Amino acid sequence: MRIRLLWLFVFFTVSVAAEGPATRDIKVISSAGARAMADACTAWAERNKQVVAMAVLDWGGNLIEFHAMEGAPMNAIDTALLKAKSALRWRRPTSETNKMVRSGENLAPTFMNDFPQPGAVPIIVNGQVIGAMGVSSAQGEQCAQAAIDAVFKGQAATTTSAR
């Protein structure tokens, strides 16, 4: 009887261990971090004489910060939000997704309610996508990259090396 119980215990332990951990640690963008990104993007836009709106999403696609500069068009926040959602879903800058769609390589973004227009990037820390930032202007990716660089100080990327 003891041998059967021992065998059952060993079998159960091995099968649970083979499945991996039941949880994982994830990084999240804090409200303060998202606000700092919006401030840094605004500063970049002002230096480059642009009027933009921006949206910062967490890893689950939840809006944690948005800002429209004085004079931004009415649709600018929606545009920034749609771009950020697309960058998060496809885990790549929207300029890359735009190229895929325009070349015919992958048309899925066009029928998945995505907005594959340049202007958003995912935020990647230690290989984990922890969020995305979308900006309403054509140079939105540069604005978002400047914000990510300013806030994360080289600890975050916007592309993965696996591509």
N, C-alpha and C. Protein backbone atom coordinates (compact mmCIF):
# COMPACT_ATOMS: atom_id res chain seq x y z
N MET A 1 0.82 -1.18 0.00
CA MET A 1 0.00 0.00 0.00
C MET A 1 0.87 1.26 0.00
N ARG A 2 1.94 1.26 0.80
CA ARG A 2 2.83 2.40 0.86
C ARG A 2 3.50 2.66 -0.48
N ILE A 3 3.85 1.60 -1.17
CA ILE A 3 4.50 1.76 -2.47
C ILE A 3 3.53 2.39 -3.46
N ARG A 4 2.27 1.97 -3.44
CA ARG A 4 1.28 2.57 -4.33
C ARG A 4 1.09 4.06 -4.02
N LEU A 5 1.01 4.41 -2.74
CA LEU A 5 0.86 5.81 -2.37
C LEU A 5 2.09 6.62 -2.79
N LEU A 6 3.28 6.03 -2.58
CA LEU A 6 4.49 6.71 -2.99
C LEU A 6 4.50 6.90 -4.51
N TRP A 7 4.13 5.88 -5.24
CA TRP A 7 4.08 5.95 -6.70
C TRP A 7 3.07 7.01 -7.15
N LEU A 8 1.92 7.06 -6.54
CA LEU A 8 0.91 8.05 -6.86
C LEU A 8 1.42 9.47 -6.57
N PHE A 9 2.08 9.64 -5.44
CA PHE A 9 2.64 10.94 -5.08
C PHE A 9 3.70 11.38 -6.10
N VAL A 10 4.60 10.48 -6.46
CA VAL A 10 5.65 10.80 -7.43
C VAL A 10 5.03 11.13 -8.77
N PHE A 11 4.05 10.36 -9.23
CA PHE A 11 3.40 10.59 -10.51
C PHE A 11 2.71 11.96 -10.52
N PHE A 12 1.98 12.26 -9.46
CA PHE A 12 1.27 13.53 -9.37
C PHE A 12 2.25 14.71 -9.34
N THR A 13 3.32 14.58 -8.58
CA THR A 13 4.31 15.65 -8.47
C THR A 13 4.98 15.89 -9.82
N VAL A 14 5.34 14.85 -10.54
CA VAL A 14 5.99 14.99 -11.83
C VAL A 14 5.03 15.60 -12.84
N SER A 15 3.77 15.19 -12.85
CA SER A 15 2.84 15.74 -13.83
C SER A 15 2.56 17.22 -13.57
N VAL A 16 2.47 17.63 -12.31
CA VAL A 16 2.26 19.05 -12.00
C VAL A 16 3.50 19.85 -12.36
N ALA A 17 4.68 19.33 -12.07
CA ALA A 17 5.92 20.03 -12.37
C ALA A 17 6.12 20.18 -13.87
N ALA A 18 5.68 19.20 -14.65
CA ALA A 18 5.85 19.25 -16.09
C ALA A 18 4.98 20.33 -16.72
N GLU A 19 3.88 20.68 -16.08
CA GLU A 19 3.00 21.71 -16.62
C GLU A 19 3.56 23.10 -16.41
N GLY A 20 4.44 23.28 -15.49
CA GLY A 20 5.02 24.59 -15.21
C GLY A 20 4.30 25.28 -14.08
N PRO A 21 4.76 26.46 -13.75
CA PRO A 21 4.16 27.18 -12.62
C PRO A 21 2.74 27.63 -12.94
N ALA A 22 1.95 27.74 -11.90
CA ALA A 22 0.56 28.15 -12.06
C ALA A 22 0.42 29.66 -12.18
N THR A 23 1.47 30.40 -11.86
CA THR A 23 1.45 31.86 -11.97
C THR A 23 2.74 32.34 -12.61
N ARG A 24 2.75 33.61 -12.97
CA ARG A 24 3.99 34.22 -13.46
C ARG A 24 4.00 35.66 -13.02
N ASP A 25 5.18 36.20 -12.93
CA ASP A 25 5.33 37.60 -12.55
C ASP A 25 5.32 38.45 -13.81
N ILE A 26 4.59 39.55 -13.77
CA ILE A 26 4.57 40.46 -14.90
C ILE A 26 4.86 41.87 -14.41
N LYS A 27 5.45 42.64 -15.26
CA LYS A 27 5.68 44.05 -14.97
C LYS A 27 4.47 44.82 -15.48
N VAL A 28 4.15 45.89 -14.79
CA VAL A 28 3.06 46.76 -15.22
C VAL A 28 3.55 48.20 -15.25
N ILE A 29 2.95 48.99 -16.09
CA ILE A 29 3.27 50.41 -16.14
C ILE A 29 2.46 51.09 -15.05
N SER A 30 3.12 51.84 -14.21
CA SER A 30 2.42 52.56 -13.15
C SER A 30 1.72 53.79 -13.74
N SER A 31 0.78 54.31 -12.98
CA SER A 31 0.12 55.55 -13.40
C SER A 31 1.14 56.68 -13.53
N ALA A 32 2.06 56.74 -12.59
CA ALA A 32 3.10 57.77 -12.64
C ALA A 32 3.99 57.59 -13.87
N GLY A 33 4.33 56.35 -14.19
CA GLY A 33 5.13 56.08 -15.38
C GLY A 33 4.41 56.47 -16.66
N ALA A 34 3.12 56.16 -16.73
CA ALA A 34 2.33 56.51 -17.91
C ALA A 34 2.21 58.03 -18.05
N ARG A 35 2.01 58.71 -16.93
CA ARG A 35 1.91 60.18 -16.95
C ARG A 35 3.24 60.79 -17.40
N ALA A 36 4.35 60.22 -16.91
CA ALA A 36 5.67 60.70 -17.31
C ALA A 36 5.89 60.49 -18.81
N MET A 37 5.38 59.38 -19.35
CA MET A 37 5.49 59.13 -20.79
C MET A 37 4.71 60.18 -21.57
N ALA A 38 3.50 60.50 -21.11
CA ALA A 38 2.69 61.53 -21.79
C ALA A 38 3.40 62.88 -21.74
N ASP A 39 3.99 63.21 -20.60
CA ASP A 39 4.72 64.48 -20.47
C ASP A 39 5.93 64.51 -21.40
N ALA A 40 6.66 63.40 -21.47
CA ALA A 40 7.85 63.34 -22.33
C ALA A 40 7.47 63.42 -23.81
N CYS A 41 6.38 62.78 -24.18
CA CYS A 41 5.91 62.83 -25.57
C CYS A 41 5.45 64.25 -25.91
N THR A 42 4.77 64.89 -24.98
CA THR A 42 4.33 66.28 -25.19
C THR A 42 5.54 67.19 -25.39
N ALA A 43 6.56 67.00 -24.58
CA ALA A 43 7.78 67.82 -24.71
C ALA A 43 8.43 67.60 -26.07
N TRP A 44 8.49 66.34 -26.53
CA TRP A 44 9.06 66.04 -27.84
C TRP A 44 8.24 66.73 -28.93
N ALA A 45 6.92 66.63 -28.84
CA ALA A 45 6.05 67.23 -29.85
C ALA A 45 6.22 68.76 -29.89
N GLU A 46 6.32 69.37 -28.73
CA GLU A 46 6.52 70.83 -28.68
C GLU A 46 7.84 71.22 -29.33
N ARG A 47 8.91 70.46 -29.05
CA ARG A 47 10.22 70.74 -29.66
C ARG A 47 10.16 70.59 -31.18
N ASN A 48 9.30 69.69 -31.65
CA ASN A 48 9.20 69.42 -33.09
C ASN A 48 8.00 70.13 -33.73
N LYS A 49 7.43 71.08 -33.00
CA LYS A 49 6.33 71.91 -33.49
C LYS A 49 5.17 71.09 -34.02
N GLN A 50 4.74 70.11 -33.21
CA GLN A 50 3.59 69.28 -33.56
C GLN A 50 2.54 69.37 -32.45
N VAL A 51 1.30 69.12 -32.84
CA VAL A 51 0.20 69.05 -31.89
C VAL A 51 -0.34 67.64 -31.98
N VAL A 52 -0.26 66.89 -30.87
CA VAL A 52 -0.61 65.47 -30.89
C VAL A 52 -1.50 65.11 -29.72
N ALA A 53 -2.04 63.92 -29.81
CA ALA A 53 -2.70 63.28 -28.67
C ALA A 53 -2.02 61.94 -28.50
N MET A 54 -2.05 61.42 -27.28
CA MET A 54 -1.38 60.15 -27.02
C MET A 54 -2.20 59.30 -26.07
N ALA A 55 -1.99 57.98 -26.17
CA ALA A 55 -2.66 57.04 -25.28
C ALA A 55 -1.64 55.99 -24.84
N VAL A 56 -1.67 55.64 -23.56
CA VAL A 56 -0.79 54.61 -23.02
C VAL A 56 -1.67 53.49 -22.48
N LEU A 57 -1.42 52.27 -22.93
CA LEU A 57 -2.17 51.09 -22.50
C LEU A 57 -1.29 50.19 -21.67
N ASP A 58 -1.90 49.45 -20.74
CA ASP A 58 -1.15 48.43 -20.00
C ASP A 58 -1.13 47.14 -20.82
N TRP A 59 -0.53 46.09 -20.27
CA TRP A 59 -0.35 44.83 -21.00
C TRP A 59 -1.68 44.19 -21.40
N GLY A 60 -2.75 44.49 -20.69
CA GLY A 60 -4.06 43.92 -21.00
C GLY A 60 -4.91 44.78 -21.91
N GLY A 61 -4.36 45.90 -22.39
CA GLY A 61 -5.10 46.77 -23.28
C GLY A 61 -5.94 47.81 -22.58
N ASN A 62 -5.75 47.96 -21.28
CA ASN A 62 -6.51 48.96 -20.52
C ASN A 62 -5.85 50.33 -20.64
N LEU A 63 -6.66 51.34 -20.88
CA LEU A 63 -6.15 52.70 -20.98
C LEU A 63 -5.73 53.19 -19.60
N ILE A 64 -4.46 53.58 -19.46
CA ILE A 64 -4.01 54.09 -18.17
C ILE A 64 -3.63 55.57 -18.22
N GLU A 65 -3.46 56.10 -19.42
CA GLU A 65 -3.17 57.54 -19.54
C GLU A 65 -3.49 57.98 -20.96
N PHE A 66 -4.06 59.17 -21.08
CA PHE A 66 -4.22 59.79 -22.39
C PHE A 66 -4.12 61.28 -22.21
N HIS A 67 -3.72 61.93 -23.28
CA HIS A 67 -3.57 63.38 -23.23
C HIS A 67 -3.66 63.92 -24.65
N ALA A 68 -4.38 65.01 -24.80
CA ALA A 68 -4.43 65.72 -26.08
C ALA A 68 -3.88 67.12 -25.85
N MET A 69 -2.92 67.50 -26.67
CA MET A 69 -2.37 68.84 -26.56
C MET A 69 -3.40 69.86 -27.03
N GLU A 70 -3.27 71.07 -26.56
CA GLU A 70 -4.16 72.16 -26.96
C GLU A 70 -4.14 72.27 -28.48
N GLY A 71 -5.32 72.23 -29.09
CA GLY A 71 -5.43 72.36 -30.54
C GLY A 71 -5.44 71.04 -31.30
N ALA A 72 -5.36 69.92 -30.59
CA ALA A 72 -5.40 68.61 -31.26
C ALA A 72 -6.80 68.39 -31.87
N PRO A 73 -6.89 67.77 -33.03
CA PRO A 73 -8.19 67.52 -33.65
C PRO A 73 -9.08 66.65 -32.77
N MET A 74 -10.38 66.71 -33.01
CA MET A 74 -11.34 65.97 -32.19
C MET A 74 -11.10 64.47 -32.19
N ASN A 75 -10.64 63.93 -33.30
CA ASN A 75 -10.46 62.48 -33.39
C ASN A 75 -9.07 62.01 -32.95
N ALA A 76 -8.24 62.91 -32.46
CA ALA A 76 -6.85 62.57 -32.17
C ALA A 76 -6.71 61.53 -31.06
N ILE A 77 -7.48 61.64 -29.99
CA ILE A 77 -7.37 60.66 -28.91
C ILE A 77 -7.82 59.28 -29.39
N ASP A 78 -8.93 59.24 -30.14
CA ASP A 78 -9.39 57.95 -30.68
C ASP A 78 -8.33 57.34 -31.59
N THR A 79 -7.71 58.18 -32.42
CA THR A 79 -6.67 57.69 -33.32
C THR A 79 -5.49 57.13 -32.53
N ALA A 80 -5.04 57.85 -31.50
CA ALA A 80 -3.93 57.38 -30.68
C ALA A 80 -4.29 56.08 -29.98
N LEU A 81 -5.51 55.97 -29.47
CA LEU A 81 -5.95 54.76 -28.79
C LEU A 81 -6.01 53.57 -29.74
N LEU A 82 -6.56 53.76 -30.92
CA LEU A 82 -6.62 52.66 -31.90
C LEU A 82 -5.23 52.21 -32.32
N LYS A 83 -4.33 53.15 -32.50
CA LYS A 83 -2.95 52.79 -32.87
C LYS A 83 -2.29 52.00 -31.74
N ALA A 84 -2.48 52.45 -30.49
CA ALA A 84 -1.88 51.75 -29.35
C ALA A 84 -2.42 50.32 -29.25
N LYS A 85 -3.72 50.15 -29.44
CA LYS A 85 -4.32 48.80 -29.38
C LYS A 85 -3.74 47.90 -30.46
N SER A 86 -3.52 48.46 -31.64
CA SER A 86 -2.94 47.67 -32.73
C SER A 86 -1.50 47.27 -32.43
N ALA A 87 -0.71 48.20 -31.89
CA ALA A 87 0.68 47.88 -31.53
C ALA A 87 0.73 46.81 -30.46
N LEU A 88 -0.20 46.88 -29.51
CA LEU A 88 -0.24 45.89 -28.44
C LEU A 88 -0.66 44.52 -28.97
N ARG A 89 -1.70 44.48 -29.79
CA ARG A 89 -2.18 43.19 -30.32
C ARG A 89 -1.12 42.50 -31.18
N TRP A 90 -0.48 43.26 -32.06
CA TRP A 90 0.49 42.66 -32.98
C TRP A 90 1.90 42.65 -32.43
N ARG A 91 2.10 43.28 -31.26
CA ARG A 91 3.39 43.27 -30.57
C ARG A 91 4.53 43.77 -31.44
N ARG A 92 4.21 44.83 -32.17
CA ARG A 92 5.20 45.45 -33.05
C ARG A 92 4.76 46.88 -33.35
N PRO A 93 5.70 47.73 -33.77
CA PRO A 93 5.31 49.08 -34.15
C PRO A 93 4.26 49.03 -35.27
N THR A 94 3.34 49.97 -35.24
CA THR A 94 2.28 49.95 -36.25
C THR A 94 2.83 50.25 -37.64
N SER A 95 3.98 50.86 -37.75
CA SER A 95 4.58 51.05 -39.08
C SER A 95 4.92 49.70 -39.70
N GLU A 96 5.35 48.74 -38.90
CA GLU A 96 5.63 47.39 -39.41
C GLU A 96 4.34 46.70 -39.83
N THR A 97 3.31 46.84 -39.03
CA THR A 97 2.01 46.24 -39.37
C THR A 97 1.47 46.87 -40.65
N ASN A 98 1.65 48.17 -40.78
CA ASN A 98 1.21 48.87 -41.98
C ASN A 98 1.90 48.31 -43.22
N LYS A 99 3.20 48.07 -43.12
CA LYS A 99 3.95 47.50 -44.26
C LYS A 99 3.44 46.11 -44.61
N MET A 100 3.13 45.30 -43.58
CA MET A 100 2.60 43.95 -43.84
C MET A 100 1.28 44.01 -44.60
N VAL A 101 0.41 44.93 -44.20
CA VAL A 101 -0.90 45.06 -44.85
C VAL A 101 -0.73 45.58 -46.26
N ARG A 102 0.08 46.63 -46.43
CA ARG A 102 0.24 47.24 -47.75
C ARG A 102 0.89 46.29 -48.76
N SER A 103 1.77 45.40 -48.29
CA SER A 103 2.43 44.46 -49.19
C SER A 103 1.55 43.25 -49.48
N GLY A 104 0.47 43.08 -48.72
CA GLY A 104 -0.39 41.92 -48.89
C GLY A 104 0.10 40.71 -48.12
N GLU A 105 1.18 40.86 -47.35
CA GLU A 105 1.74 39.76 -46.57
C GLU A 105 0.76 39.25 -45.52
N ASN A 106 0.04 40.17 -44.90
CA ASN A 106 -0.93 39.80 -43.86
C ASN A 106 -2.03 40.86 -43.85
N LEU A 107 -3.24 40.46 -44.21
CA LEU A 107 -4.35 41.40 -44.26
C LEU A 107 -5.24 41.32 -43.02
N ALA A 108 -4.88 40.44 -42.07
CA ALA A 108 -5.70 40.27 -40.88
C ALA A 108 -5.98 41.57 -40.14
N PRO A 109 -5.00 42.47 -39.98
CA PRO A 109 -5.29 43.71 -39.24
C PRO A 109 -6.44 44.52 -39.85
N THR A 110 -6.67 44.39 -41.13
CA THR A 110 -7.73 45.18 -41.77
C THR A 110 -9.12 44.68 -41.42
N PHE A 111 -9.26 43.41 -41.10
CA PHE A 111 -10.60 42.92 -40.76
C PHE A 111 -10.73 42.54 -39.29
N MET A 112 -9.73 42.88 -38.47
CA MET A 112 -9.79 42.61 -37.04
C MET A 112 -10.00 43.90 -36.24
N ASN A 113 -10.53 44.91 -36.92
CA ASN A 113 -10.79 46.20 -36.29
C ASN A 113 -9.54 46.85 -35.74
N ASP A 114 -8.41 46.60 -36.36
CA ASP A 114 -7.17 47.25 -35.98
C ASP A 114 -6.98 48.50 -36.82
N PHE A 115 -6.02 49.30 -36.46
CA PHE A 115 -5.73 50.55 -37.14
C PHE A 115 -4.25 50.56 -37.45
N PRO A 116 -3.84 49.82 -38.48
CA PRO A 116 -2.41 49.67 -38.75
C PRO A 116 -1.79 50.88 -39.44
N GLN A 117 -1.88 52.02 -38.79
CA GLN A 117 -1.26 53.23 -39.32
C GLN A 117 -0.06 53.58 -38.44
N PRO A 118 1.01 54.04 -39.01
CA PRO A 118 2.19 54.38 -38.21
C PRO A 118 1.84 55.35 -37.09
N GLY A 119 2.46 55.13 -35.92
CA GLY A 119 2.26 56.04 -34.82
C GLY A 119 2.20 55.39 -33.45
N ALA A 120 2.41 54.08 -33.36
CA ALA A 120 2.36 53.43 -32.05
C ALA A 120 3.43 52.35 -31.96
N VAL A 121 3.86 52.10 -30.72
CA VAL A 121 4.86 51.07 -30.47
C VAL A 121 4.49 50.29 -29.21
N PRO A 122 4.84 49.00 -29.19
CA PRO A 122 4.68 48.26 -27.93
C PRO A 122 5.81 48.65 -26.99
N ILE A 123 5.60 48.43 -25.71
CA ILE A 123 6.63 48.70 -24.70
C ILE A 123 7.07 47.34 -24.17
N ILE A 124 8.34 47.00 -24.37
CA ILE A 124 8.84 45.67 -24.04
C ILE A 124 9.94 45.80 -22.98
N VAL A 125 9.76 45.12 -21.85
CA VAL A 125 10.75 45.11 -20.78
C VAL A 125 11.11 43.65 -20.49
N ASN A 126 12.38 43.33 -20.58
CA ASN A 126 12.87 41.96 -20.35
C ASN A 126 12.12 40.94 -21.21
N GLY A 127 11.85 41.29 -22.44
CA GLY A 127 11.18 40.39 -23.36
C GLY A 127 9.67 40.29 -23.18
N GLN A 128 9.12 40.99 -22.21
CA GLN A 128 7.67 40.98 -21.96
C GLN A 128 7.05 42.26 -22.50
N VAL A 129 5.96 42.13 -23.25
CA VAL A 129 5.22 43.30 -23.68
C VAL A 129 4.40 43.77 -22.49
N ILE A 130 4.70 44.95 -21.99
CA ILE A 130 4.02 45.45 -20.79
C ILE A 130 3.00 46.54 -21.11
N GLY A 131 2.90 46.90 -22.38
CA GLY A 131 1.94 47.91 -22.78
C GLY A 131 2.26 48.45 -24.16
N ALA A 132 1.62 49.57 -24.49
CA ALA A 132 1.86 50.21 -25.78
C ALA A 132 1.54 51.69 -25.65
N MET A 133 2.16 52.47 -26.53
CA MET A 133 1.87 53.90 -26.58
C MET A 133 1.55 54.27 -28.02
N GLY A 134 0.41 54.92 -28.19
CA GLY A 134 -0.01 55.40 -29.51
C GLY A 134 -0.04 56.91 -29.52
N VAL A 135 0.36 57.49 -30.66
CA VAL A 135 0.38 58.94 -30.82
C VAL A 135 -0.30 59.27 -32.15
N SER A 136 -1.09 60.33 -32.15
CA SER A 136 -1.95 60.62 -33.29
C SER A 136 -1.23 61.11 -34.54
N SER A 137 -0.03 61.58 -34.46
CA SER A 137 0.63 62.17 -35.63
C SER A 137 1.35 61.13 -36.47
N ALA A 138 1.76 61.57 -37.66
CA ALA A 138 2.51 60.69 -38.55
C ALA A 138 3.87 60.33 -37.96
N GLN A 139 4.42 61.21 -37.13
CA GLN A 139 5.70 60.94 -36.49
C GLN A 139 5.48 60.41 -35.07
N GLY A 140 4.35 59.79 -34.85
CA GLY A 140 4.00 59.31 -33.52
C GLY A 140 4.96 58.30 -32.94
N GLU A 141 5.52 57.45 -33.79
CA GLU A 141 6.45 56.45 -33.27
C GLU A 141 7.71 57.10 -32.71
N GLN A 142 8.18 58.16 -33.36
CA GLN A 142 9.35 58.88 -32.84
C GLN A 142 9.01 59.53 -31.50
N CYS A 143 7.82 60.09 -31.39
CA CYS A 143 7.38 60.73 -30.15
C CYS A 143 7.28 59.69 -29.04
N ALA A 144 6.65 58.55 -29.34
CA ALA A 144 6.52 57.48 -28.35
C ALA A 144 7.88 56.92 -27.95
N GLN A 145 8.77 56.76 -28.93
CA GLN A 145 10.11 56.24 -28.63
C GLN A 145 10.86 57.21 -27.73
N ALA A 146 10.74 58.50 -27.99
CA ALA A 146 11.39 59.50 -27.14
C ALA A 146 10.85 59.42 -25.72
N ALA A 147 9.55 59.21 -25.59
CA ALA A 147 8.92 59.11 -24.26
C ALA A 147 9.40 57.86 -23.54
N ILE A 148 9.45 56.75 -24.24
CA ILE A 148 9.91 55.48 -23.63
C ILE A 148 11.36 55.59 -23.21
N ASP A 149 12.19 56.19 -24.06
CA ASP A 149 13.60 56.37 -23.72
C ASP A 149 13.76 57.26 -22.49
N ALA A 150 12.97 58.33 -22.41
CA ALA A 150 13.08 59.26 -21.30
C ALA A 150 12.63 58.63 -19.98
N VAL A 151 11.58 57.84 -20.03
CA VAL A 151 11.01 57.28 -18.79
C VAL A 151 11.72 56.00 -18.36
N PHE A 152 11.97 55.11 -19.30
CA PHE A 152 12.56 53.82 -18.96
C PHE A 152 14.08 53.83 -19.02
N LYS A 153 14.67 54.89 -19.52
CA LYS A 153 16.11 55.09 -19.55
C LYS A 153 16.89 53.87 -20.06
N GLY A 154 16.46 53.37 -21.23
CA GLY A 154 17.16 52.26 -21.85
C GLY A 154 16.75 50.88 -21.36
N GLN A 155 15.83 50.80 -20.42
CA GLN A 155 15.39 49.50 -19.88
C GLN A 155 14.24 48.90 -20.65
N ALA A 156 13.71 49.62 -21.64
CA ALA A 156 12.57 49.12 -22.43
C ALA A 156 12.92 49.19 -23.90
N ALA A 157 12.32 48.31 -24.68
CA ALA A 157 12.48 48.28 -26.13
C ALA A 157 11.11 48.43 -26.77
N THR A 158 11.11 48.62 -28.08
CA THR A 158 9.85 48.71 -28.80
C THR A 158 9.74 47.65 -29.88
N THR A 159 10.78 46.83 -30.03
CA THR A 159 10.74 45.70 -30.95
C THR A 159 11.43 44.53 -30.28
N THR A 160 11.10 43.35 -30.75
CA THR A 160 11.80 42.16 -30.26
C THR A 160 12.82 41.76 -31.30
N SER A 161 13.88 41.13 -30.86
CA SER A 161 14.93 40.72 -31.79
C SER A 161 14.56 39.45 -32.54
N ALA A 162 13.43 38.84 -32.21
CA ALA A 162 13.03 37.57 -32.83
C ALA A 162 12.54 37.75 -34.26
N ARG A 163 12.29 38.97 -34.71
CA ARG A 163 11.77 39.17 -36.06
C ARG A 163 12.82 39.05 -37.10
